[in-house]
Protein backbone atom coordinates (compact mmCIF):
# COMPACT_ATOMS: atom_id res chain seq x y z
CA MET A 1 12.61 87.54 2.18
CA ALA A 2 14.77 87.16 -0.85
CA VAL A 3 17.82 85.96 1.09
CA ALA A 4 15.89 83.14 2.76
CA GLU A 5 14.39 82.13 -0.56
CA GLU A 6 17.82 82.15 -2.23
CA LEU A 7 19.12 79.87 0.52
CA GLY A 8 16.07 77.60 0.24
CA VAL A 9 15.18 78.22 3.89
CA GLU A 10 11.56 77.96 4.92
CA HIS A 11 10.50 81.15 6.60
CA GLU A 12 7.55 83.13 7.82
CA THR A 13 7.23 86.79 6.94
CA VAL A 14 5.42 88.95 9.46
CA LEU A 15 4.03 92.18 8.05
CA TYR A 16 4.61 94.20 11.20
CA MET A 17 2.55 97.20 10.07
CA LYS A 18 -0.54 94.98 9.67
CA GLU A 19 0.24 92.63 12.54
CA PRO A 20 2.58 94.45 14.93
CA PRO A 21 4.27 92.37 17.60
CA ASP A 22 2.72 92.63 21.04
CA ARG A 23 4.66 93.21 24.26
CA LYS A 24 5.32 89.50 24.77
CA ALA A 25 6.72 89.09 21.24
CA LEU A 26 8.92 92.18 21.58
CA GLU A 27 10.19 91.00 24.97
CA HIS A 28 11.13 87.67 23.39
CA ILE A 29 12.92 89.33 20.47
CA VAL A 30 14.83 91.61 22.84
CA SER A 31 15.81 88.68 25.04
CA ILE A 32 17.43 86.78 22.14
CA LEU A 33 18.69 89.75 20.12
CA LYS A 34 22.39 89.57 19.31
CA ASP A 35 22.49 93.28 18.43
CA PRO A 36 22.28 96.22 20.82
CA VAL A 37 18.64 96.69 21.79
CA GLU A 38 18.68 100.33 20.67
CA ASP A 39 19.31 99.12 17.11
CA LEU A 40 15.70 97.90 16.99
CA VAL A 41 14.67 101.55 16.71
CA ARG A 42 14.89 103.31 13.36
CA LYS A 43 16.50 106.71 13.83
CA ASP A 44 14.82 108.13 10.73
CA SER A 45 13.02 111.38 9.96
CA LYS A 46 9.97 110.31 12.02
CA PHE A 47 12.21 109.65 15.01
CA LYS A 48 13.77 113.08 14.61
CA LYS A 49 10.42 114.78 14.04
CA MET A 50 9.22 113.32 17.33
CA GLU A 51 12.29 114.92 18.93
CA LEU A 52 13.33 111.66 20.54
CA ASN A 53 16.78 111.27 22.06
CA PRO A 54 18.67 108.17 20.82
CA ASP A 55 20.53 107.96 24.13
CA ASP A 56 17.24 107.19 25.90
CA TYR A 57 17.17 103.77 24.24
CA VAL A 58 20.77 102.63 24.76
CA ASP A 59 20.76 99.46 26.89
CA ASN A 60 17.12 100.20 27.77
CA PRO A 61 14.92 97.31 26.61
CA GLU A 62 11.79 98.60 28.33
CA ALA A 63 12.05 102.00 26.65
CA VAL A 64 12.57 100.34 23.26
CA ILE A 65 9.59 98.03 23.77
CA ASP A 66 7.34 100.87 24.93
CA LEU A 67 8.35 103.01 21.97
CA LEU A 68 7.76 100.23 19.44
CA LEU A 69 4.38 99.35 20.94
CA ASN A 70 3.28 102.95 20.44
CA HIS A 71 5.08 103.68 17.16
CA LYS A 72 5.39 100.47 15.14
CA ALA A 73 6.82 102.33 12.12
CA LEU A 74 9.98 102.98 14.14
CA MET A 75 10.85 99.28 14.27
CA GLN A 76 14.04 98.50 12.39
CA ARG A 77 13.61 95.81 9.81
CA PRO A 78 14.00 93.13 8.93
CA VAL A 79 14.33 91.35 12.24
CA VAL A 80 15.29 87.74 11.61
CA VAL A 81 14.64 85.07 14.24
CA LYS A 82 16.07 81.57 14.09
CA GLY A 83 15.65 79.39 17.13
CA GLN A 84 16.93 81.27 20.16
CA ARG A 85 18.76 83.92 18.17
CA ALA A 86 17.56 87.16 16.59
CA ILE A 87 19.40 89.72 14.51
CA ILE A 88 18.64 92.88 12.62
CA GLY A 89 19.07 91.87 9.00
CA ARG A 90 21.06 94.85 7.79
CA PRO A 91 23.17 94.50 5.81
CA LYS A 92 21.56 91.56 4.00
CA SER A 93 24.72 89.48 4.36
CA ARG A 94 23.93 89.10 8.06
CA ILE A 95 20.79 87.17 7.16
CA ALA A 96 22.77 84.65 5.12
CA GLU A 97 25.21 84.23 8.03
CA LEU A 98 22.36 83.45 10.45
CA LEU A 99 20.36 81.21 8.12
CA GLY A 100 23.23 79.59 6.23
């Protein structure tokens, strides 16, 4: 991640399409996420093509986890984890705030 490198912060990049998080990892991310859980889901063309309803994921961690386990491409990215805090790193300035 360019922001972490610019700040000189050691980091690990997880290529979620090659190594998707399992249920336990997603549960951990959800438990420390400072954003609404539904924001972990990309509401892109694939989401729309699947005819999913965004309201089904509002304040519904289990639905989000189940969806992301079955459709890893719908995971919003980047997700940045530092200690016991996780955020969705959009816009990029949020990453600097968490890591800085």
